[in-house]
Protein backbone atom coordinates (compact mmCIF):
# COMPACT_ATOMS: atom_id res chain seq x y z
CA UNK A 1 66.31 31.83 -100.19
CA UNK A 2 64.84 29.43 -97.37
CA UNK A 3 68.06 27.17 -97.81
CA UNK A 4 70.41 30.26 -97.21
CA UNK A 5 68.54 31.25 -94.03
CA UNK A 6 68.94 27.56 -92.72
CA UNK A 7 72.56 27.57 -93.50
CA UNK A 8 73.11 31.18 -91.89
CA UNK A 9 71.18 29.82 -88.75
CA UNK A 10 73.52 26.78 -88.45
CA UNK A 11 76.53 28.74 -89.20
CA UNK A 12 75.48 31.11 -86.28
CA UNK A 13 74.74 28.08 -84.07
CA UNK A 14 78.15 26.66 -84.66
CA UNK A 15 79.91 29.81 -84.00
CA UNK A 16 78.21 30.40 -80.75
CA UNK A 17 79.20 26.80 -79.79
CA UNK A 18 82.84 27.15 -80.95
CA UNK A 19 82.97 30.39 -78.68
CA UNK A 20 81.47 28.51 -75.59
CA UNK A 21 84.14 25.78 -76.04
CA UNK A 22 86.84 28.48 -76.57
CA UNK A 23 85.71 30.21 -73.23
CA UNK A 24 85.36 26.90 -71.12
CA UNK A 25 89.15 25.96 -72.39
CA UNK A 26 90.17 29.08 -70.53
CA UNK A 27 88.36 28.06 -67.35
CA UNK A 28 90.91 25.90 -65.57
CA UNK A 29 90.68 26.91 -61.88
CA UNK A 30 89.17 24.37 -59.62
CA UNK A 31 86.33 26.64 -58.79
CA UNK A 32 85.31 27.51 -62.32
CA UNK A 33 82.68 24.70 -62.68
CA UNK A 34 80.93 25.63 -59.72
CA UNK A 35 77.57 27.48 -59.75
CA UNK A 36 78.01 31.18 -58.82
CA UNK A 37 76.46 33.57 -56.17
CA UNK A 38 76.15 37.08 -57.67
CA UNK A 39 75.70 40.44 -55.23
CA UNK A 40 74.90 43.74 -56.54
CA UNK A 41 74.92 46.74 -54.37
CA UNK A 42 74.37 50.59 -55.34
CA UNK A 43 77.05 53.10 -54.54
CA UNK A 44 76.27 56.51 -53.24
CA UNK A 45 73.72 58.45 -55.15
CA UNK A 46 70.32 57.70 -53.75
CA UNK A 47 67.66 56.71 -56.48
CA UNK A 48 69.90 57.21 -59.34
CA UNK A 49 72.33 54.64 -58.06
CA UNK A 50 69.48 51.98 -57.07
CA UNK A 51 68.16 52.43 -60.71
CA UNK A 52 71.66 51.53 -61.92
CA UNK A 53 71.83 48.47 -59.68
CA UNK A 54 68.70 47.31 -61.13
CA UNK A 55 69.71 47.79 -64.68
CA UNK A 56 72.75 45.61 -64.05
CA UNK A 57 70.56 42.96 -62.43
CA UNK A 58 68.41 42.69 -65.44
CA UNK A 59 71.60 42.52 -67.58
CA UNK A 60 72.69 39.50 -65.74
CA UNK A 61 69.52 37.77 -65.64
CA UNK A 62 69.24 38.35 -69.43
CA UNK A 63 72.60 36.68 -69.72
CA UNK A 64 71.37 33.77 -67.72
CA UNK A 65 68.27 33.41 -69.71
CA UNK A 66 70.67 33.37 -73.06
CA UNK A 67 72.78 30.83 -71.61
CA UNK A 68 69.71 28.70 -70.42
CA UNK A 69 71.24 28.67 -66.98
CA UNK A 70 68.75 28.85 -63.93
CA UNK A 71 68.78 31.97 -61.69
CA UNK A 72 67.22 31.98 -58.10
CA UNK A 73 66.85 35.32 -56.38
CA UNK A 74 68.02 34.71 -52.74
CA UNK A 75 67.57 38.51 -51.84
CA UNK A 76 66.14 41.53 -53.22
CA UNK A 77 65.73 44.95 -51.48
CA UNK A 78 63.75 47.51 -53.37
CA UNK A 79 64.67 50.95 -53.37
CA UNK A 80 62.70 53.66 -51.70
CA UNK A 81 61.55 55.35 -54.98
CA UNK A 82 63.04 53.13 -57.75
CA UNK A 83 65.77 50.52 -58.27
CA UNK A 84 67.05 47.93 -55.76
CA UNK A 85 69.09 48.73 -52.75
CA UNK A 86 70.66 45.19 -52.73
CA UNK A 87 70.32 41.86 -54.62
CA UNK A 88 71.68 38.51 -54.43
CA UNK A 89 70.93 35.79 -56.99
CA UNK A 90 72.28 32.20 -57.21
CA UNK A 91 73.07 31.04 -60.69
CA UNK A 92 73.05 27.51 -61.47
CA UNK A 93 74.92 26.01 -64.49
CA UNK A 94 78.16 24.48 -65.48
CA UNK A 95 81.08 27.08 -65.37
CA UNK A 96 78.74 29.89 -64.28
CA UNK A 97 81.31 30.91 -61.59
CA UNK A 98 84.15 30.68 -64.12
CA UNK A 99 82.20 33.01 -66.54
CA UNK A 100 80.80 35.64 -63.89
CA UNK A 101 84.20 35.84 -61.83
CA UNK A 102 85.12 38.42 -64.55
CA UNK A 103 82.32 40.81 -63.39
CA UNK A 104 83.62 41.34 -59.95
CA UNK A 105 84.16 45.02 -59.43
CA UNK A 106 82.93 48.61 -59.96
CA UNK A 107 80.31 49.33 -62.75
CA UNK A 108 79.96 53.11 -63.77
CA UNK A 109 77.16 54.54 -65.68
CA UNK A 110 76.94 58.01 -67.39
CA UNK A 111 73.73 58.97 -68.67
CA UNK A 112 71.03 61.63 -68.71
CA UNK A 113 69.18 60.91 -65.46
CA UNK A 114 65.28 60.28 -65.87
CA UNK A 115 64.88 61.37 -62.31
CA UNK A 116 66.46 64.76 -62.93
CA UNK A 117 63.83 67.18 -64.22
CA UNK A 118 66.52 69.49 -65.47
CA UNK A 119 67.67 66.54 -67.73
CA UNK A 120 71.15 66.93 -66.70
CA UNK A 121 73.97 64.06 -67.18
CA UNK A 122 74.71 62.04 -64.13
CA UNK A 123 77.25 59.45 -63.13
CA UNK A 124 76.39 56.39 -60.78
CA UNK A 125 78.29 53.42 -59.46
CA UNK A 126 77.24 49.95 -58.41
CA UNK A 127 79.40 47.01 -57.27
CA UNK A 128 79.07 43.29 -58.32
CA UNK A 129 80.63 40.65 -56.55
CA UNK A 130 80.75 36.85 -57.62
CA UNK A 131 81.26 33.88 -55.19
CA UNK A 132 81.73 30.37 -56.14
CA UNK A 133 78.84 28.11 -54.33
CA UNK A 134 80.22 26.11 -51.57
CA UNK A 135 77.95 22.95 -51.16
CA UNK A 136 76.81 22.32 -47.48
CA UNK A 137 77.73 18.87 -48.15
CA UNK A 138 81.26 18.21 -49.37
CA UNK A 139 81.65 14.51 -50.49
CA UNK A 140 84.92 13.24 -48.98
CA UNK A 141 86.52 10.44 -50.86
CA UNK A 142 88.79 7.98 -48.91
CA UNK A 143 91.32 6.14 -51.12
CA UNK A 144 92.53 2.86 -49.40
CA UNK A 145 96.13 3.77 -50.58
CA UNK A 146 95.90 7.09 -48.57
CA UNK A 147 94.92 5.20 -45.52
CA UNK A 148 97.20 3.48 -42.95
CA UNK A 149 95.26 1.11 -40.43
CA UNK A 150 96.90 -0.20 -37.10
CA UNK A 151 94.97 -2.58 -34.68
CA UNK A 152 95.72 -2.86 -31.11
CA UNK A 153 93.90 -4.36 -28.11
CA UNK A 154 91.46 -2.05 -26.35
CA UNK A 155 92.33 -1.06 -22.90
CA UNK A 156 90.58 0.13 -19.85
CA UNK A 157 91.36 2.60 -17.03
CA UNK A 158 95.08 2.16 -16.06
CA UNK A 159 96.06 0.26 -19.04
CA UNK A 160 94.09 -2.87 -17.95
CA UNK A 161 93.17 -5.06 -20.97
CA UNK A 162 89.44 -5.38 -21.43
CA UNK A 163 89.88 -7.34 -24.70
CA UNK A 164 92.29 -9.78 -25.58
CA UNK A 165 91.91 -9.51 -29.21
CA UNK A 166 93.31 -6.72 -31.49
CA UNK A 167 89.96 -4.98 -31.90
CA UNK A 168 90.90 -1.37 -31.54
CA UNK A 169 91.61 0.59 -34.70
CA UNK A 170 93.89 3.60 -35.48
CA UNK A 171 93.46 5.22 -38.97
CA UNK A 172 96.01 7.48 -40.25
CA UNK A 173 95.03 9.44 -43.29
CA UNK A 174 98.43 9.91 -44.92
CA UNK A 175 98.05 12.86 -47.12
CA UNK A 176 96.43 15.19 -44.38
CA UNK A 177 98.27 13.65 -41.38
CA UNK A 178 94.85 13.33 -39.60
CA UNK A 179 94.71 10.15 -36.88
CA UNK A 180 91.71 8.95 -35.62
CA UNK A 181 91.33 5.86 -33.22
CA UNK A 182 88.27 3.92 -32.03
CA UNK A 183 88.17 1.32 -29.54
CA UNK A 184 84.75 1.46 -28.00
CA UNK A 185 83.11 -1.47 -29.85
CA UNK A 186 84.42 -5.39 -29.27
CA UNK A 187 84.51 -5.81 -33.16
CA UNK A 188 87.34 -4.48 -35.06
CA UNK A 189 84.89 -4.09 -38.05
CA UNK A 190 82.76 -1.65 -36.02
CA UNK A 191 85.56 0.17 -34.87
CA UNK A 192 87.01 0.72 -38.23
CA UNK A 193 83.51 1.79 -39.49
CA UNK A 194 83.35 4.31 -36.85
CA UNK A 195 86.85 5.40 -37.19
CA UNK A 196 86.26 6.08 -40.99
CA UNK A 197 83.24 7.88 -40.13
CA UNK A 198 85.09 10.45 -37.61
CA UNK A 199 87.70 10.79 -40.48
CA UNK A 200 85.17 11.72 -42.85
CA UNK A 201 83.86 14.18 -40.54
CA UNK A 202 87.28 15.54 -40.02
CA UNK A 203 88.09 15.94 -43.37
CA UNK A 204 84.94 17.68 -44.17
CA UNK A 205 85.60 20.24 -41.62
CA UNK A 206 89.07 20.83 -42.77
CA UNK A 207 87.55 21.29 -46.39
CA UNK A 208 85.02 23.75 -45.04
CA UNK A 209 87.74 25.65 -43.40
CA UNK A 210 89.77 25.77 -46.71
CA UNK A 211 86.66 27.09 -48.51
CA UNK A 212 86.08 29.78 -45.91
CA UNK A 213 89.52 30.95 -46.36
CA UNK A 214 88.97 31.20 -50.13
CA UNK A 215 85.86 33.46 -49.40
CA UNK A 216 87.84 35.39 -46.98
CA UNK A 217 90.32 36.24 -49.68
CA UNK A 218 87.59 36.93 -52.14
CA UNK A 219 86.16 39.40 -49.68
CA UNK A 220 89.49 41.22 -49.33
CA UNK A 221 88.97 42.05 -52.95
CA UNK A 222 86.29 44.13 -52.56
CA UNK A 223 86.76 47.87 -52.95
CA UNK A 224 85.12 51.21 -52.31
CA UNK A 225 82.40 51.95 -54.75
CA UNK A 226 83.47 55.20 -56.39
CA UNK A 227 85.64 57.13 -58.79
CA UNK A 228 88.77 55.64 -59.96
CA UNK A 229 87.94 52.05 -59.22
CA UNK A 230 85.75 50.99 -61.81
CA UNK A 231 86.38 47.93 -64.00
CA UNK A 232 83.77 49.01 -66.74
CA UNK A 233 82.10 52.36 -68.14
CA UNK A 234 78.75 52.45 -69.54
CA UNK A 235 78.40 55.73 -71.27
CA UNK A 236 74.80 56.36 -72.71
CA UNK A 237 75.35 60.12 -73.22
CA UNK A 238 76.85 62.21 -75.07
CA UNK A 239 77.88 59.11 -77.02
CA UNK A 240 77.31 55.33 -76.60
CA UNK A 241 80.07 53.14 -75.43
CA UNK A 242 80.72 50.51 -73.09
CA UNK A 243 84.49 50.08 -72.34
CA UNK A 244 86.34 47.47 -69.84
CA UNK A 245 89.15 49.29 -68.13
CA UNK A 246 91.20 46.02 -67.68
CA UNK A 247 91.06 44.54 -71.20
CA UNK A 248 90.68 47.62 -73.21
CA UNK A 249 87.75 45.83 -75.09
CA UNK A 250 84.78 48.30 -76.01
CA UNK A 251 81.71 48.36 -77.94
CA UNK A 252 78.92 50.83 -79.05
CA UNK A 253 76.34 48.16 -78.82
CA UNK A 254 74.97 49.35 -75.82
CA UNK A 255 71.48 47.83 -76.07
CA UNK A 256 72.91 44.36 -76.96
CA UNK A 257 75.13 44.34 -73.83
CA UNK A 258 72.32 45.80 -71.49
CA UNK A 259 70.14 42.85 -72.86
CA UNK A 260 72.69 40.59 -71.66
CA UNK A 261 74.97 40.16 -74.47
CA UNK A 262 78.28 40.27 -72.41
CA UNK A 263 80.36 37.02 -73.51
CA UNK A 264 82.80 39.29 -75.52
CA UNK A 265 83.75 41.07 -72.54
CA UNK A 266 84.04 37.95 -70.37
CA UNK A 267 86.12 36.51 -73.21
CA UNK A 268 88.53 39.47 -73.50
CA UNK A 269 89.09 39.54 -69.60
CA UNK A 270 89.90 35.81 -69.79
CA UNK A 271 92.21 36.20 -72.45
CA UNK A 272 93.86 38.80 -70.47
CA UNK A 273 94.03 36.67 -67.62
CA UNK A 274 95.59 33.54 -69.03
CA UNK A 275 97.79 35.44 -71.53
């Protein structure tokens, strides 16, 4: 009997690992391996919507716990009566952005409100938005094959030669077209070192600009938090059903999902995007 339990446990572990590998195989975008920042905002509806936003926050924190990732709450504004007005969390772990990008959108809840003395059914909305984490320092790799270096004589005002040796350096970064020149030092080696420093700084700033444009593009994907725009519905009354309106995947295992078991939703969305 004990052996059967061990075998069952081992099979479940292997199935879980296989599912993770399958998911990672679908994560091919360059940002997918990054850490993620998840922002949750309640829609209109006061306390009811704030409570729904907190329920979503709990669901994602449970998902983080299931995968043994790390969550760092960057910002959390409590609601006036219950729930939250805003939450921003950083989630660290391999492929966290790739997994969670599927959660960007409007989430709709239908339930009997615990805040309604008349026990009426209420519909609430909350938005989730996921960003890839852009590191403050982006390592710039310079390949010698991508550099063209020219040396020439340093010159002073009016073109007068101040150095008879070719100590000045001009470096062209072939793939980006960036050109930097340094001639302040008497040593060609030092000028080259300084030129590479300037080149790295320029490439770093160019990389930052590219990342800013990516985030601006993602920001444009935000929509109004309300009817007709939801990506997923969580119905707790009069029946129990959670349905993703993009992939069509649905489940009645509401408690499991709200405890962070959202991998099937992620997988079905990824299959839809990669098909």
